[in-house]
Amino acid sequence: MFQKTDFWIGLAVGVVAGVFGYRFMQEREQQLAAMQAAAPVGELPIAELQRQKEELEDLIAAQEAKK
């Protein structure tokens, strides 16, 4: 069976991962709220469009590399 130490290590890793995931989601929500408040409906700033374009290009390159 599992040793007691394994349980505590697993619990600690899970807690740390949960904290980082929670902080990441909070930051993303704040960024999204700031973008929605800053830009009128239907319009995104050029910097945000460039960031999305680069992200899409990276995803396309990763997919092409898998083939």
PDB file of N, CA and C in Angstrom:
ATOM      1  N   MET A   1       0.834  -1.184   0.000  1.00  0.00           N
ATOM      2  CA  MET A   1       0.000   0.000   0.000  1.00  0.00           C
ATOM      3  C   MET A   1       0.883   1.253   0.000  1.00  0.00           C
ATOM      4  N   PHE A   2       0.246   2.393  -0.061  1.00  0.00           N
ATOM      5  CA  PHE A   2       0.992   3.654  -0.065  1.00  0.00           C
ATOM      6  C   PHE A   2       1.519   3.977   1.323  1.00  0.00           C
ATOM      7  N   GLN A   3       2.690   4.539   1.336  1.00  0.00           N
ATOM      8  CA  GLN A   3       3.233   4.976   2.626  1.00  0.00           C
ATOM      9  C   GLN A   3       2.620   6.320   2.984  1.00  0.00           C
ATOM     10  N   LYS A   4       2.665   6.658   4.219  1.00  0.00           N
ATOM     11  CA  LYS A   4       2.099   7.907   4.685  1.00  0.00           C
ATOM     12  C   LYS A   4       2.801   9.103   4.040  1.00  0.00           C
ATOM     13  N   THR A   5       4.103   8.994   3.802  1.00  0.00           N
ATOM     14  CA  THR A   5       4.882  10.074   3.191  1.00  0.00           C
ATOM     15  C   THR A   5       4.383  10.370   1.784  1.00  0.00           C
ATOM     16  N   ASP A   6       4.059   9.324   1.029  1.00  0.00           N
ATOM     17  CA  ASP A   6       3.552   9.523  -0.333  1.00  0.00           C
ATOM     18  C   ASP A   6       2.259  10.325  -0.335  1.00  0.00           C
ATOM     19  N   PHE A   7       1.407  10.060   0.620  1.00  0.00           N
ATOM     20  CA  PHE A   7       0.154  10.798   0.716  1.00  0.00           C
ATOM     21  C   PHE A   7       0.411  12.281   0.929  1.00  0.00           C
ATOM     22  N   TRP A   8       1.296  12.614   1.868  1.00  0.00           N
ATOM     23  CA  TRP A   8       1.565  14.009   2.190  1.00  0.00           C
ATOM     24  C   TRP A   8       2.260  14.732   1.040  1.00  0.00           C
ATOM     25  N   ILE A   9       3.134  14.040   0.335  1.00  0.00           N
ATOM     26  CA  ILE A   9       3.791  14.643  -0.834  1.00  0.00           C
ATOM     27  C   ILE A   9       2.753  14.918  -1.916  1.00  0.00           C
ATOM     28  N   GLY A  10       1.894  13.961  -2.168  1.00  0.00           N
ATOM     29  CA  GLY A  10       0.845  14.140  -3.168  1.00  0.00           C
ATOM     30  C   GLY A  10      -0.108  15.256  -2.795  1.00  0.00           C
ATOM     31  N   LEU A  11      -0.453  15.323  -1.527  1.00  0.00           N
ATOM     32  CA  LEU A  11      -1.342  16.389  -1.054  1.00  0.00           C
ATOM     33  C   LEU A  11      -0.687  17.755  -1.239  1.00  0.00           C
ATOM     34  N   ALA A  12       0.596  17.857  -0.893  1.00  0.00           N
ATOM     35  CA  ALA A  12       1.310  19.132  -1.029  1.00  0.00           C
ATOM     36  C   ALA A  12       1.400  19.549  -2.495  1.00  0.00           C
ATOM     37  N   VAL A  13       1.702  18.611  -3.372  1.00  0.00           N
ATOM     38  CA  VAL A  13       1.791  18.921  -4.803  1.00  0.00           C
ATOM     39  C   VAL A  13       0.430  19.379  -5.320  1.00  0.00           C
ATOM     40  N   GLY A  14      -0.630  18.715  -4.906  1.00  0.00           N
ATOM     41  CA  GLY A  14      -1.972  19.101  -5.332  1.00  0.00           C
ATOM     42  C   GLY A  14      -2.361  20.488  -4.849  1.00  0.00           C
ATOM     43  N   VAL A  15      -2.011  20.811  -3.621  1.00  0.00           N
ATOM     44  CA  VAL A  15      -2.335  22.130  -3.080  1.00  0.00           C
ATOM     45  C   VAL A  15      -1.573  23.214  -3.829  1.00  0.00           C
ATOM     46  N   VAL A  16      -0.281  22.984  -4.079  1.00  0.00           N
ATOM     47  CA  VAL A  16       0.530  23.976  -4.799  1.00  0.00           C
ATOM     48  C   VAL A  16      -0.022  24.176  -6.206  1.00  0.00           C
ATOM     49  N   ALA A  17      -0.348  23.073  -6.885  1.00  0.00           N
ATOM     50  CA  ALA A  17      -0.904  23.185  -8.237  1.00  0.00           C
ATOM     51  C   ALA A  17      -2.236  23.927  -8.212  1.00  0.00           C
ATOM     52  N   GLY A  18      -3.052  23.676  -7.218  1.00  0.00           N
ATOM     53  CA  GLY A  18      -4.332  24.366  -7.100  1.00  0.00           C
ATOM     54  C   GLY A  18      -4.164  25.859  -6.878  1.00  0.00           C
ATOM     55  N   VAL A  19      -3.202  26.233  -6.050  1.00  0.00           N
ATOM     56  CA  VAL A  19      -2.957  27.649  -5.780  1.00  0.00           C
ATOM     57  C   VAL A  19      -2.496  28.357  -7.040  1.00  0.00           C
ATOM     58  N   PHE A  20      -1.546  27.746  -7.761  1.00  0.00           N
ATOM     59  CA  PHE A  20      -1.065  28.377  -8.989  1.00  0.00           C
ATOM     60  C   PHE A  20      -2.169  28.458 -10.039  1.00  0.00           C
ATOM     61  N   GLY A  21      -2.975  27.419 -10.154  1.00  0.00           N
ATOM     62  CA  GLY A  21      -4.084  27.445 -11.098  1.00  0.00           C
ATOM     63  C   GLY A  21      -5.093  28.517 -10.755  1.00  0.00           C
ATOM     64  N   TYR A  22      -5.395  28.658  -9.467  1.00  0.00           N
ATOM     65  CA  TYR A  22      -6.337  29.683  -9.023  1.00  0.00           C
ATOM     66  C   TYR A  22      -5.801  31.076  -9.327  1.00  0.00           C
ATOM     67  N   ARG A  23      -4.519  31.315  -9.040  1.00  0.00           N
ATOM     68  CA  ARG A  23      -3.918  32.628  -9.299  1.00  0.00           C
ATOM     69  C   ARG A  23      -3.914  32.925 -10.803  1.00  0.00           C
ATOM     70  N   PHE A  24      -3.620  31.917 -11.625  1.00  0.00           N
ATOM     71  CA  PHE A  24      -3.616  32.099 -13.074  1.00  0.00           C
ATOM     72  C   PHE A  24      -5.006  32.491 -13.565  1.00  0.00           C
ATOM     73  N   MET A  25      -6.029  31.810 -13.084  1.00  0.00           N
ATOM     74  CA  MET A  25      -7.396  32.116 -13.512  1.00  0.00           C
ATOM     75  C   MET A  25      -7.808  33.515 -13.054  1.00  0.00           C
ATOM     76  N   GLN A  26      -7.411  33.916 -11.863  1.00  0.00           N
ATOM     77  CA  GLN A  26      -7.741  35.256 -11.377  1.00  0.00           C
ATOM     78  C   GLN A  26      -7.085  36.321 -12.254  1.00  0.00           C
ATOM     79  N   GLU A  27      -5.823  36.108 -12.635  1.00  0.00           N
ATOM     80  CA  GLU A  27      -5.135  37.068 -13.503  1.00  0.00           C
ATOM     81  C   GLU A  27      -5.809  37.151 -14.861  1.00  0.00           C
ATOM     82  N   ARG A  28      -6.199  36.010 -15.409  1.00  0.00           N
ATOM     83  CA  ARG A  28      -6.873  36.001 -16.713  1.00  0.00           C
ATOM     84  C   ARG A  28      -8.220  36.731 -16.641  1.00  0.00           C
ATOM     85  N   GLU A  29      -8.953  36.547 -15.565  1.00  0.00           N
ATOM     86  CA  GLU A  29     -10.222  37.247 -15.401  1.00  0.00           C
ATOM     87  C   GLU A  29     -10.015  38.753 -15.326  1.00  0.00           C
ATOM     88  N   GLN A  30      -8.968  39.179 -14.618  1.00  0.00           N
ATOM     89  CA  GLN A  30      -8.672  40.604 -14.518  1.00  0.00           C
ATOM     90  C   GLN A  30      -8.277  41.172 -15.875  1.00  0.00           C
ATOM     91  N   GLN A  31      -7.464  40.424 -16.639  1.00  0.00           N
ATOM     92  CA  GLN A  31      -7.075  40.884 -17.970  1.00  0.00           C
ATOM     93  C   GLN A  31      -8.295  40.999 -18.870  1.00  0.00           C
ATOM     94  N   LEU A  32      -9.170  40.020 -18.817  1.00  0.00           N
ATOM     95  CA  LEU A  32     -10.374  40.033 -19.649  1.00  0.00           C
ATOM     96  C   LEU A  32     -11.277  41.203 -19.270  1.00  0.00           C
ATOM     97  N   ALA A  33     -11.436  41.445 -17.979  1.00  0.00           N
ATOM     98  CA  ALA A  33     -12.268  42.559 -17.531  1.00  0.00           C
ATOM     99  C   ALA A  33     -11.672  43.892 -17.969  1.00  0.00           C
ATOM    100  N   ALA A  34     -10.358  44.010 -17.900  1.00  0.00           N
ATOM    101  CA  ALA A  34      -9.699  45.246 -18.327  1.00  0.00           C
ATOM    102  C   ALA A  34      -9.866  45.456 -19.830  1.00  0.00           C
ATOM    103  N   MET A  35      -9.764  44.397 -20.605  1.00  0.00           N
ATOM    104  CA  MET A  35      -9.927  44.513 -22.061  1.00  0.00           C
ATOM    105  C   MET A  35     -11.355  44.905 -22.403  1.00  0.00           C
ATOM    106  N   GLN A  36     -12.320  44.312 -21.732  1.00  0.00           N
ATOM    107  CA  GLN A  36     -13.716  44.615 -22.026  1.00  0.00           C
ATOM    108  C   GLN A  36     -14.063  46.046 -21.630  1.00  0.00           C
ATOM    109  N   ALA A  37     -13.491  46.522 -20.550  1.00  0.00           N
ATOM    110  CA  ALA A  37     -13.774  47.884 -20.109  1.00  0.00           C
ATOM    111  C   ALA A  37     -13.074  48.911 -20.989  1.00  0.00           C
ATOM    112  N   ALA A  38     -11.902  48.573 -21.510  1.00  0.00           N
ATOM    113  CA  ALA A  38     -11.107  49.522 -22.280  1.00  0.00           C
ATOM    114  C   ALA A  38     -11.589  49.646 -23.729  1.00  0.00           C
ATOM    115  N   ALA A  39     -12.042  48.561 -24.296  1.00  0.00           N
ATOM    116  CA  ALA A  39     -12.405  48.575 -25.715  1.00  0.00           C
ATOM    117  C   ALA A  39     -13.921  48.615 -25.877  1.00  0.00           C
ATOM    118  N   PRO A  40     -14.401  49.417 -26.834  1.00  0.00           N
ATOM    119  CA  PRO A  40     -15.830  49.390 -27.138  1.00  0.00           C
ATOM    120  C   PRO A  40     -16.225  48.011 -27.680  1.00  0.00           C
ATOM    121  N   VAL A  41     -17.487  47.720 -27.608  1.00  0.00           N
ATOM    122  CA  VAL A  41     -17.976  46.430 -28.066  1.00  0.00           C
ATOM    123  C   VAL A  41     -17.639  46.253 -29.542  1.00  0.00           C
ATOM    124  N   GLY A  42     -17.042  45.119 -29.878  1.00  0.00           N
ATOM    125  CA  GLY A  42     -16.709  44.820 -31.260  1.00  0.00           C
ATOM    126  C   GLY A  42     -15.357  45.341 -31.710  1.00  0.00           C
ATOM    127  N   GLU A  43     -14.648  46.074 -30.880  1.00  0.00           N
ATOM    128  CA  GLU A  43     -13.343  46.597 -31.255  1.00  0.00           C
ATOM    129  C   GLU A  43     -12.299  46.160 -30.236  1.00  0.00           C
ATOM    130  N   LEU A  44     -11.179  45.647 -30.739  1.00  0.00           N
ATOM    131  CA  LEU A  44     -10.064  45.272 -29.885  1.00  0.00           C
ATOM    132  C   LEU A  44      -8.874  46.156 -30.219  1.00  0.00           C
ATOM    133  N   PRO A  45      -8.049  46.455 -29.228  1.00  0.00           N
ATOM    134  CA  PRO A  45      -6.857  47.249 -29.513  1.00  0.00           C
ATOM    135  C   PRO A  45      -5.894  46.472 -30.426  1.00  0.00           C
ATOM    136  N   ILE A  46      -5.104  47.210 -31.186  1.00  0.00           N
ATOM    137  CA  ILE A  46      -4.160  46.597 -32.124  1.00  0.00           C
ATOM    138  C   ILE A  46      -3.197  45.673 -31.397  1.00  0.00           C
ATOM    139  N   ALA A  47      -2.730  46.060 -30.227  1.00  0.00           N
ATOM    140  CA  ALA A  47      -1.781  45.223 -29.477  1.00  0.00           C
ATOM    141  C   ALA A  47      -2.398  43.865 -29.143  1.00  0.00           C
ATOM    142  N   GLU A  48      -3.664  43.849 -28.760  1.00  0.00           N
ATOM    143  CA  GLU A  48      -4.334  42.594 -28.443  1.00  0.00           C
ATOM    144  C   GLU A  48      -4.512  41.745 -29.695  1.00  0.00           C
ATOM    145  N   LEU A  49      -4.847  42.355 -30.800  1.00  0.00           N
ATOM    146  CA  LEU A  49      -4.984  41.616 -32.054  1.00  0.00           C
ATOM    147  C   LEU A  49      -3.649  41.011 -32.477  1.00  0.00           C
ATOM    148  N   GLN A  50      -2.563  41.761 -32.311  1.00  0.00           N
ATOM    149  CA  GLN A  50      -1.227  41.255 -32.642  1.00  0.00           C
ATOM    150  C   GLN A  50      -0.876  40.069 -31.754  1.00  0.00           C
ATOM    151  N   ARG A  51      -1.198  40.162 -30.459  1.00  0.00           N
ATOM    152  CA  ARG A  51      -0.909  39.071 -29.526  1.00  0.00           C
ATOM    153  C   ARG A  51      -1.678  37.813 -29.928  1.00  0.00           C
ATOM    154  N   GLN A  52      -2.950  37.979 -30.284  1.00  0.00           N
ATOM    155  CA  GLN A  52      -3.758  36.840 -30.702  1.00  0.00           C
ATOM    156  C   GLN A  52      -3.232  36.243 -32.001  1.00  0.00           C
ATOM    157  N   LYS A  53      -2.797  37.104 -32.914  1.00  0.00           N
ATOM    158  CA  LYS A  53      -2.250  36.635 -34.188  1.00  0.00           C
ATOM    159  C   LYS A  53      -1.002  35.798 -33.947  1.00  0.00           C
ATOM    160  N   GLU A  54      -0.107  36.277 -33.086  1.00  0.00           N
ATOM    161  CA  GLU A  54       1.119  35.541 -32.795  1.00  0.00           C
ATOM    162  C   GLU A  54       0.807  34.211 -32.116  1.00  0.00           C
ATOM    163  N   GLU A  55      -0.173  34.215 -31.223  1.00  0.00           N
ATOM    164  CA  GLU A  55      -0.558  32.979 -30.551  1.00  0.00           C
ATOM    165  C   GLU A  55      -1.107  31.968 -31.554  1.00  0.00           C
ATOM    166  N   LEU A  56      -1.936  32.438 -32.474  1.00  0.00           N
ATOM    167  CA  LEU A  56      -2.478  31.546 -33.503  1.00  0.00           C
ATOM    168  C   LEU A  56      -1.381  31.015 -34.423  1.00  0.00           C
ATOM    169  N   GLU A  57      -0.437  31.877 -34.788  1.00  0.00           N
ATOM    170  CA  GLU A  57       0.670  31.429 -35.633  1.00  0.00           C
ATOM    171  C   GLU A  57       1.501  30.367 -34.924  1.00  0.00           C
ATOM    172  N   ASP A  58       1.702  30.520 -33.605  1.00  0.00           N
ATOM    173  CA  ASP A  58       2.442  29.529 -32.844  1.00  0.00           C
ATOM    174  C   ASP A  58       1.682  28.201 -32.820  1.00  0.00           C
ATOM    175  N   LEU A  59       0.362  28.257 -32.643  1.00  0.00           N
ATOM    176  CA  LEU A  59      -0.436  27.049 -32.638  1.00  0.00           C
ATOM    177  C   LEU A  59      -0.406  26.351 -34.000  1.00  0.00           C
ATOM    178  N   ILE A  60      -0.469  27.118 -35.070  1.00  0.00           N
ATOM    179  CA  ILE A  60      -0.413  26.565 -36.419  1.00  0.00           C
ATOM    180  C   ILE A  60       0.934  25.890 -36.646  1.00  0.00           C
ATOM    181  N   ALA A  61       2.014  26.553 -36.234  1.00  0.00           N
ATOM    182  CA  ALA A  61       3.351  25.968 -36.407  1.00  0.00           C
ATOM    183  C   ALA A  61       3.489  24.677 -35.604  1.00  0.00           C
ATOM    184  N   ALA A  62       2.921  24.640 -34.417  1.00  0.00           N
ATOM    185  CA  ALA A  62       2.992  23.424 -33.593  1.00  0.00           C
ATOM    186  C   ALA A  62       2.222  22.279 -34.252  1.00  0.00           C
ATOM    187  N   GLN A  63       1.059  22.600 -34.825  1.00  0.00           N
ATOM    188  CA  GLN A  63       0.275  21.564 -35.508  1.00  0.00           C
ATOM    189  C   GLN A  63       1.002  21.044 -36.747  1.00  0.00           C
ATOM    190  N   GLU A  64       1.627  21.933 -37.495  1.00  0.00           N
ATOM    191  CA  GLU A  64       2.352  21.542 -38.683  1.00  0.00           C
ATOM    192  C   GLU A  64       3.582  20.716 -38.327  1.00  0.00           C
ATOM    193  N   ALA A  65       4.194  21.004 -37.190  1.00  0.00           N
ATOM    194  CA  ALA A  65       5.371  20.258 -36.762  1.00  0.00           C
ATOM    195  C   ALA A  65       5.017  18.824 -36.374  1.00  0.00           C
ATOM    196  N   LYS A  66       3.792  18.621 -35.932  1.00  0.00           N
ATOM    197  CA  LYS A  66       3.340  17.267 -35.540  1.00  0.00           C
ATOM    198  C   LYS A  66       3.161  16.369 -36.758  1.00  0.00           C
ATOM    199  N   LYS A  67       2.879  16.971 -37.912  1.00  0.00           N
ATOM    200  CA  LYS A  67       2.589  16.178 -39.119  1.00  0.00           C
ATOM    201  C   LYS A  67       3.825  15.570 -39.691  1.00  0.00           C
TER     202      LYS A  67
END
